[in-house]
Amino acid sequence: MGISVSSAVNSANTKYHMSLSSGRGPDWSIIPSSGKSSKSKAEFTDEIKELARKAANTTNKAELESIHRQRTELCAEYMSDVSPDRKALYRQAKNALKGQGSNPKCHGSGELTLLDFLEAADGRGSSLAEKKFALAGGGTLTCPILTSGGYGADIYYQGTKVLTYLGSGYGWACERTPAEREKEREFYGIYFNEYRSLKNGQGEELEELPDYLEEKPSFDMKA
């Protein structure tokens, strides 16, 4: 059975995670960053409801997966007007690591990723993990040693871990700011109200909320 939007978790530890097995930079189509859209609220609402209608009217697994991906991308765009500038923080983190004596080889497109610098720094003991880099605009970067080996990357802004690299098996994730969580709940409120209005009376199982919006007391109440 589906969970109502009103029960969405209020924890400050709500996170969104997508696996990026390629090991490159963050996927900005699903990770919100400021300045991503100029759409009006009415335009967003129409697009959100259209996705909900598509989801309600199909049982095809491949089509549903495509709709869910589109929904995730649209939600990132919807939140962008209250998001921190994650792209700028990511660029600043790369620049901060350039001064650490590494000379990573450029890959393909010509843009070095933060991962390139971390990989180049690997093997130099715990010195990098002990440092904290100040970024422009109040951000900070730390590079913890991962249990799987090598360095991770945590970029903080105003007390929120706005970007984190969890290793090649997981990729990049971000923690929502309080303002983003409110926008996210608003987005899914519109989506599921439309979805359930079409499903009611059809005797079909309702779609579940995404994992990162469900209430999980065993995790969130301890945080």
C-alpha atoms as a PDB file:
ATOM      1  CA  MET A   1       0.000   0.000   0.000  1.00  0.00           C
ATOM      2  CA  GLY A   2       1.218   3.518  -0.727  1.00  0.00           C
ATOM      3  CA  ILE A   3       2.273   5.975   1.956  1.00  0.00           C
ATOM      4  CA  SER A   4       0.631   9.397   2.064  1.00  0.00           C
ATOM      5  CA  VAL A   5       2.767  12.393   1.236  1.00  0.00           C
ATOM      6  CA  SER A   6       1.947  13.899   4.631  1.00  0.00           C
ATOM      7  CA  SER A   7       3.982  11.124   6.284  1.00  0.00           C
ATOM      8  CA  ALA A   8       7.161  12.039   4.395  1.00  0.00           C
ATOM      9  CA  VAL A   9      10.140  12.108   6.723  1.00  0.00           C
ATOM     10  CA  ASN A  10      11.136  15.381   8.391  1.00  0.00           C
ATOM     11  CA  SER A  11      14.662  14.281   9.245  1.00  0.00           C
ATOM     12  CA  ALA A  12      17.583  16.550   8.348  1.00  0.00           C
ATOM     13  CA  ASN A  13      19.320  13.420   7.094  1.00  0.00           C
ATOM     14  CA  THR A  14      17.052  12.852   4.099  1.00  0.00           C
ATOM     15  CA  LYS A  15      19.373  12.048   1.197  1.00  0.00           C
ATOM     16  CA  TYR A  16      19.100  11.329  -2.465  1.00  0.00           C
ATOM     17  CA  HIS A  17      21.474   8.861  -4.048  1.00  0.00           C
ATOM     18  CA  MET A  18      22.063   7.595  -7.560  1.00  0.00           C
ATOM     19  CA  SER A  19      24.735   5.109  -8.562  1.00  0.00           C
ATOM     20  CA  LEU A  20      27.226   6.464 -11.089  1.00  0.00           C
ATOM     21  CA  SER A  21      29.360   3.441 -11.904  1.00  0.00           C
ATOM     22  CA  SER A  22      31.370   5.366 -14.483  1.00  0.00           C
ATOM     23  CA  GLY A  23      33.199   7.154 -11.676  1.00  0.00           C
ATOM     24  CA  ARG A  24      32.955  10.555 -13.376  1.00  0.00           C
ATOM     25  CA  GLY A  25      31.474  13.747 -12.008  1.00  0.00           C
ATOM     26  CA  PRO A  26      27.989  14.235 -10.544  1.00  0.00           C
ATOM     27  CA  ASP A  27      25.008  13.701 -12.840  1.00  0.00           C
ATOM     28  CA  TRP A  28      23.553  17.209 -12.881  1.00  0.00           C
ATOM     29  CA  SER A  29      20.347  16.032 -14.530  1.00  0.00           C
ATOM     30  CA  ILE A  30      19.322  14.430 -11.217  1.00  0.00           C
ATOM     31  CA  ILE A  31      21.325  16.445  -8.659  1.00  0.00           C
ATOM     32  CA  PRO A  32      19.773  19.889  -8.069  1.00  0.00           C
ATOM     33  CA  SER A  33      21.862  23.041  -8.444  1.00  0.00           C
ATOM     34  CA  SER A  34      20.795  26.674  -8.489  1.00  0.00           C
ATOM     35  CA  GLY A  35      19.777  28.365 -11.719  1.00  0.00           C
ATOM     36  CA  LYS A  36      18.588  25.201 -13.442  1.00  0.00           C
ATOM     37  CA  SER A  37      15.178  26.399 -14.693  1.00  0.00           C
ATOM     38  CA  SER A  38      13.082  29.452 -15.528  1.00  0.00           C
ATOM     39  CA  LYS A  39       9.734  27.617 -15.767  1.00  0.00           C
ATOM     40  CA  SER A  40       6.682  29.037 -14.047  1.00  0.00           C
ATOM     41  CA  LYS A  41       4.830  27.193 -11.267  1.00  0.00           C
ATOM     42  CA  ALA A  42       1.956  26.532 -13.687  1.00  0.00           C
ATOM     43  CA  GLU A  43       4.316  25.021 -16.266  1.00  0.00           C
ATOM     44  CA  PHE A  44       5.876  22.757 -13.646  1.00  0.00           C
ATOM     45  CA  THR A  45       2.465  21.697 -12.346  1.00  0.00           C
ATOM     46  CA  ASP A  46       1.314  20.732 -15.840  1.00  0.00           C
ATOM     47  CA  GLU A  47       4.459  18.656 -16.432  1.00  0.00           C
ATOM     48  CA  ILE A  48       4.237  16.947 -13.030  1.00  0.00           C
ATOM     49  CA  LYS A  49       0.590  16.005 -13.549  1.00  0.00           C
ATOM     50  CA  GLU A  50       1.301  14.744 -17.051  1.00  0.00           C
ATOM     51  CA  LEU A  51       3.975  12.376 -15.709  1.00  0.00           C
ATOM     52  CA  ALA A  52       1.552  11.194 -13.018  1.00  0.00           C
ATOM     53  CA  ARG A  53      -1.104  10.498 -15.648  1.00  0.00           C
ATOM     54  CA  LYS A  54       1.386   8.527 -17.741  1.00  0.00           C
ATOM     55  CA  ALA A  55       2.400   6.467 -14.703  1.00  0.00           C
ATOM     56  CA  ALA A  56      -1.212   5.804 -13.758  1.00  0.00           C
ATOM     57  CA  ASN A  57      -2.098   4.610 -17.244  1.00  0.00           C
ATOM     58  CA  THR A  58       0.674   2.098 -17.857  1.00  0.00           C
ATOM     59  CA  THR A  59       1.754  -1.225 -16.407  1.00  0.00           C
ATOM     60  CA  ASN A  60       4.776  -1.581 -18.663  1.00  0.00           C
ATOM     61  CA  LYS A  61       7.875  -1.886 -16.470  1.00  0.00           C
ATOM     62  CA  ALA A  62      10.280  -0.269 -18.947  1.00  0.00           C
ATOM     63  CA  GLU A  63       7.913   2.645 -19.487  1.00  0.00           C
ATOM     64  CA  LEU A  64       7.475   3.125 -15.741  1.00  0.00           C
ATOM     65  CA  GLU A  65      11.242   3.187 -15.248  1.00  0.00           C
ATOM     66  CA  SER A  66      11.518   5.861 -17.932  1.00  0.00           C
ATOM     67  CA  ILE A  67       8.749   7.894 -16.266  1.00  0.00           C
ATOM     68  CA  HIS A  68      10.447   7.610 -12.877  1.00  0.00           C
ATOM     69  CA  ARG A  69      13.722   8.844 -14.367  1.00  0.00           C
ATOM     70  CA  GLN A  70      11.896  11.792 -15.961  1.00  0.00           C
ATOM     71  CA  ARG A  71      10.207  12.464 -12.616  1.00  0.00           C
ATOM     72  CA  THR A  72      13.547  12.496 -10.803  1.00  0.00           C
ATOM     73  CA  GLU A  73      15.019  14.922 -13.336  1.00  0.00           C
ATOM     74  CA  LEU A  74      11.962  17.184 -13.191  1.00  0.00           C
ATOM     75  CA  CYS A  75      12.060  17.191  -9.382  1.00  0.00           C
ATOM     76  CA  ALA A  76      15.727  18.278  -9.436  1.00  0.00           C
ATOM     77  CA  GLU A  77      14.750  21.096 -11.794  1.00  0.00           C
ATOM     78  CA  TYR A  78      11.773  22.010  -9.581  1.00  0.00           C
ATOM     79  CA  MET A  79      14.009  22.349  -6.511  1.00  0.00           C
ATOM     80  CA  SER A  80      16.712  24.351  -8.260  1.00  0.00           C
ATOM     81  CA  ASP A  81      15.350  27.785  -7.373  1.00  0.00           C
ATOM     82  CA  VAL A  82      16.127  27.093  -3.684  1.00  0.00           C
ATOM     83  CA  SER A  83      19.222  24.915  -4.224  1.00  0.00           C
ATOM     84  CA  PRO A  84      22.806  25.884  -3.413  1.00  0.00           C
ATOM     85  CA  ASP A  85      25.122  26.282  -6.399  1.00  0.00           C
ATOM     86  CA  ARG A  86      26.475  22.727  -6.256  1.00  0.00           C
ATOM     87  CA  LYS A  87      28.130  23.074  -9.660  1.00  0.00           C
ATOM     88  CA  ALA A  88      30.197  26.049  -8.473  1.00  0.00           C
ATOM     89  CA  LEU A  89      31.115  24.264  -5.232  1.00  0.00           C
ATOM     90  CA  TYR A  90      32.228  21.236  -7.252  1.00  0.00           C
ATOM     91  CA  ARG A  91      34.432  23.433  -9.488  1.00  0.00           C
ATOM     92  CA  GLN A  92      35.891  25.145  -6.424  1.00  0.00           C
ATOM     93  CA  ALA A  93      36.689  21.781  -4.864  1.00  0.00           C
ATOM     94  CA  LYS A  94      38.615  20.779  -8.009  1.00  0.00           C
ATOM     95  CA  ASN A  95      40.552  24.046  -7.901  1.00  0.00           C
ATOM     96  CA  ALA A  96      41.358  23.535  -4.213  1.00  0.00           C
ATOM     97  CA  LEU A  97      42.912  20.151  -4.981  1.00  0.00           C
ATOM     98  CA  LYS A  98      44.977  21.461  -7.892  1.00  0.00           C
ATOM     99  CA  GLY A  99      47.399  22.974  -5.424  1.00  0.00           C
ATOM    100  CA  GLN A 100      48.132  19.633  -3.767  1.00  0.00           C
ATOM    101  CA  GLY A 101      50.975  18.787  -6.120  1.00  0.00           C
ATOM    102  CA  SER A 102      49.053  16.325  -8.298  1.00  0.00           C
ATOM    103  CA  ASN A 103      49.247  16.315 -12.072  1.00  0.00           C
ATOM    104  CA  PRO A 104      46.405  14.092 -13.244  1.00  0.00           C
ATOM    105  CA  LYS A 105      46.150  13.221 -16.901  1.00  0.00           C
ATOM    106  CA  CYS A 106      43.294  14.826 -18.790  1.00  0.00           C
ATOM    107  CA  HIS A 107      40.518  12.461 -19.928  1.00  0.00           C
ATOM    108  CA  GLY A 108      38.571  12.732 -23.182  1.00  0.00           C
ATOM    109  CA  SER A 109      36.527  15.900 -22.959  1.00  0.00           C
ATOM    110  CA  GLY A 110      39.385  17.915 -21.485  1.00  0.00           C
ATOM    111  CA  GLU A 111      37.707  18.660 -18.155  1.00  0.00           C
ATOM    112  CA  LEU A 112      39.320  17.098 -15.108  1.00  0.00           C
ATOM    113  CA  THR A 113      36.850  15.755 -12.595  1.00  0.00           C
ATOM    114  CA  LEU A 114      37.255  15.992  -8.845  1.00  0.00           C
ATOM    115  CA  LEU A 115      37.716  12.227  -8.877  1.00  0.00           C
ATOM    116  CA  ASP A 116      40.787  12.620 -11.126  1.00  0.00           C
ATOM    117  CA  PHE A 117      42.459  14.788  -8.490  1.00  0.00           C
ATOM    118  CA  LEU A 118      41.506  12.441  -5.670  1.00  0.00           C
ATOM    119  CA  GLU A 119      42.854   9.447  -7.570  1.00  0.00           C
ATOM    120  CA  ALA A 120      46.099  11.321  -8.242  1.00  0.00           C
ATOM    121  CA  ALA A 121      46.387  12.109  -4.533  1.00  0.00           C
ATOM    122  CA  ASP A 122      45.833   8.497  -3.484  1.00  0.00           C
ATOM    123  CA  GLY A 123      48.754   6.742  -1.872  1.00  0.00           C
ATOM    124  CA  ARG A 124      50.144   9.803  -0.110  1.00  0.00           C
ATOM    125  CA  GLY A 125      49.256   8.616   3.362  1.00  0.00           C
ATOM    126  CA  SER A 126      46.635  10.330   5.511  1.00  0.00           C
ATOM    127  CA  SER A 127      47.759  13.913   4.795  1.00  0.00           C
ATOM    128  CA  LEU A 128      44.889  14.663   2.421  1.00  0.00           C
ATOM    129  CA  ALA A 129      42.315  13.129   4.759  1.00  0.00           C
ATOM    130  CA  GLU A 130      43.503  15.385   7.592  1.00  0.00           C
ATOM    131  CA  LYS A 131      42.956  18.589   5.621  1.00  0.00           C
ATOM    132  CA  LYS A 132      39.899  20.795   5.310  1.00  0.00           C
ATOM    133  CA  PHE A 133      39.708  23.081   2.286  1.00  0.00           C
ATOM    134  CA  ALA A 134      37.819  26.385   2.452  1.00  0.00           C
ATOM    135  CA  LEU A 135      35.760  27.085  -0.673  1.00  0.00           C
ATOM    136  CA  ALA A 136      34.427  30.412  -1.895  1.00  0.00           C
ATOM    137  CA  GLY A 137      31.024  31.424  -0.564  1.00  0.00           C
ATOM    138  CA  GLY A 138      31.300  29.529   2.703  1.00  0.00           C
ATOM    139  CA  GLY A 139      31.734  25.973   1.428  1.00  0.00           C
ATOM    140  CA  THR A 140      34.239  23.431   2.742  1.00  0.00           C
ATOM    141  CA  LEU A 141      35.780  20.259   1.298  1.00  0.00           C
ATOM    142  CA  THR A 142      37.078  17.226   3.169  1.00  0.00           C
ATOM    143  CA  CYS A 143      38.487  14.025   1.658  1.00  0.00           C
ATOM    144  CA  PRO A 144      37.842  11.099   4.029  1.00  0.00           C
ATOM    145  CA  ILE A 145      39.524   7.747   3.440  1.00  0.00           C
ATOM    146  CA  LEU A 146      36.932   5.235   2.237  1.00  0.00           C
ATOM    147  CA  THR A 147      36.662   1.777   3.778  1.00  0.00           C
ATOM    148  CA  SER A 148      36.816   0.405   0.236  1.00  0.00           C
ATOM    149  CA  GLY A 149      40.127   2.204  -0.327  1.00  0.00           C
ATOM    150  CA  GLY A 150      41.095   5.577  -1.753  1.00  0.00           C
ATOM    151  CA  TYR A 151      39.550   8.944  -0.948  1.00  0.00           C
ATOM    152  CA  GLY A 152      35.982  10.120  -0.853  1.00  0.00           C
ATOM    153  CA  ALA A 153      34.869  13.732  -1.050  1.00  0.00           C
ATOM    154  CA  ASP A 154      32.451  15.641   1.193  1.00  0.00           C
ATOM    155  CA  ILE A 155      31.450  19.169   0.193  1.00  0.00           C
ATOM    156  CA  TYR A 156      29.554  21.129   2.854  1.00  0.00           C
ATOM    157  CA  TYR A 157      27.583  24.346   2.571  1.00  0.00           C
ATOM    158  CA  GLN A 158      25.807  26.033   5.505  1.00  0.00           C
ATOM    159  CA  GLY A 159      25.899  22.844   7.567  1.00  0.00           C
ATOM    160  CA  THR A 160      24.568  20.556   4.812  1.00  0.00           C
ATOM    161  CA  LYS A 161      26.631  17.937   2.976  1.00  0.00           C
ATOM    162  CA  VAL A 162      25.552  19.160  -0.454  1.00  0.00           C
ATOM    163  CA  LEU A 163      27.765  16.702  -2.386  1.00  0.00           C
ATOM    164  CA  THR A 164      29.483  13.506  -1.326  1.00  0.00           C
ATOM    165  CA  TYR A 165      31.491  10.948  -3.281  1.00  0.00           C
ATOM    166  CA  LEU A 166      31.033   7.434  -1.879  1.00  0.00           C
ATOM    167  CA  GLY A 167      33.399   5.457  -4.095  1.00  0.00           C
ATOM    168  CA  SER A 168      33.238   4.011  -7.597  1.00  0.00           C
ATOM    169  CA  GLY A 169      30.596   1.465  -6.611  1.00  0.00           C
ATOM    170  CA  TYR A 170      28.152   4.160  -5.495  1.00  0.00           C
ATOM    171  CA  GLY A 171      29.081   7.454  -7.132  1.00  0.00           C
ATOM    172  CA  TRP A 172      27.847  10.884  -6.070  1.00  0.00           C
ATOM    173  CA  ALA A 173      25.024  11.729  -3.690  1.00  0.00           C
ATOM    174  CA  CYS A 174      23.622  14.868  -2.124  1.00  0.00           C
ATOM    175  CA  GLU A 175      21.838  15.727   1.082  1.00  0.00           C
ATOM    176  CA  ARG A 176      18.816  17.992   0.771  1.00  0.00           C
ATOM    177  CA  THR A 177      18.821  21.399   2.394  1.00  0.00           C
ATOM    178  CA  PRO A 178      15.706  22.222   4.479  1.00  0.00           C
ATOM    179  CA  ALA A 179      14.387  24.436   1.662  1.00  0.00           C
ATOM    180  CA  GLU A 180      14.931  21.655  -0.886  1.00  0.00           C
ATOM    181  CA  ARG A 181      13.071  19.132   1.278  1.00  0.00           C
ATOM    182  CA  GLU A 182      10.057  21.431   1.372  1.00  0.00           C
ATOM    183  CA  LYS A 183      10.110  21.831  -2.410  1.00  0.00           C
ATOM    184  CA  GLU A 184      10.525  18.069  -2.823  1.00  0.00           C
ATOM    185  CA  ARG A 185       7.474  17.360  -0.664  1.00  0.00           C
ATOM    186  CA  GLU A 186       5.528  19.955  -2.623  1.00  0.00           C
ATOM    187  CA  PHE A 187       6.547  18.299  -5.905  1.00  0.00           C
ATOM    188  CA  TYR A 188       5.487  14.808  -4.787  1.00  0.00           C
ATOM    189  CA  GLY A 189       2.287  16.200  -3.282  1.00  0.00           C
ATOM    190  CA  ILE A 190       1.254  17.421  -6.738  1.00  0.00           C
ATOM    191  CA  TYR A 191       2.404  14.191  -8.402  1.00  0.00           C
ATOM    192  CA  PHE A 192       0.709  11.716  -6.061  1.00  0.00           C
ATOM    193  CA  ASN A 193      -2.510  13.700  -5.723  1.00  0.00           C
ATOM    194  CA  GLU A 194      -2.901  13.479  -9.500  1.00  0.00           C
ATOM    195  CA  TYR A 195      -1.742   9.843  -9.637  1.00  0.00           C
ATOM    196  CA  ARG A 196      -4.094   8.654  -6.925  1.00  0.00           C
ATOM    197  CA  SER A 197      -7.045  10.613  -8.250  1.00  0.00           C
ATOM    198  CA  LEU A 198      -6.775   8.468 -11.386  1.00  0.00           C
ATOM    199  CA  LYS A 199      -6.109   5.195  -9.551  1.00  0.00           C
ATOM    200  CA  ASN A 200      -8.904   5.485  -6.973  1.00  0.00           C
ATOM    201  CA  GLY A 201     -11.668   3.026  -7.679  1.00  0.00           C
ATOM    202  CA  GLN A 202      -9.634   0.972 -10.103  1.00  0.00           C
ATOM    203  CA  GLY A 203      -8.696  -1.617  -7.495  1.00  0.00           C
ATOM    204  CA  GLU A 204      -5.018  -1.432  -8.452  1.00  0.00           C
ATOM    205  CA  GLU A 205      -2.018  -1.152  -6.159  1.00  0.00           C
ATOM    206  CA  LEU A 206      -0.941   2.431  -5.652  1.00  0.00           C
ATOM    207  CA  GLU A 207       2.567   3.549  -6.470  1.00  0.00           C
ATOM    208  CA  GLU A 208       4.902   3.878  -3.487  1.00  0.00           C
ATOM    209  CA  LEU A 209       6.745   7.013  -2.489  1.00  0.00           C
ATOM    210  CA  PRO A 210      10.441   6.977  -3.389  1.00  0.00           C
ATOM    211  CA  ASP A 211      12.603   5.413  -0.662  1.00  0.00           C
ATOM    212  CA  TYR A 212      14.166   8.729   0.302  1.00  0.00           C
ATOM    213  CA  LEU A 213      10.735  10.228   1.091  1.00  0.00           C
ATOM    214  CA  GLU A 214       9.342   7.341   3.127  1.00  0.00           C
ATOM    215  CA  GLU A 215       9.294   7.493   6.909  1.00  0.00           C
ATOM    216  CA  LYS A 216      12.014   5.254   8.353  1.00  0.00           C
ATOM    217  CA  PRO A 217      11.953   5.694  12.173  1.00  0.00           C
ATOM    218  CA  SER A 218      14.707   3.112  12.756  1.00  0.00           C
ATOM    219  CA  PHE A 219      17.127   5.368  10.868  1.00  0.00           C
ATOM    220  CA  ASP A 220      15.862   8.915  11.160  1.00  0.00           C
ATOM    221  CA  MET A 221      14.869   8.950  14.808  1.00  0.00           C
ATOM    222  CA  LYS A 222      18.442   7.981  15.800  1.00  0.00           C
ATOM    223  CA  ALA A 223      20.117  10.625  13.650  1.00  0.00           C
END
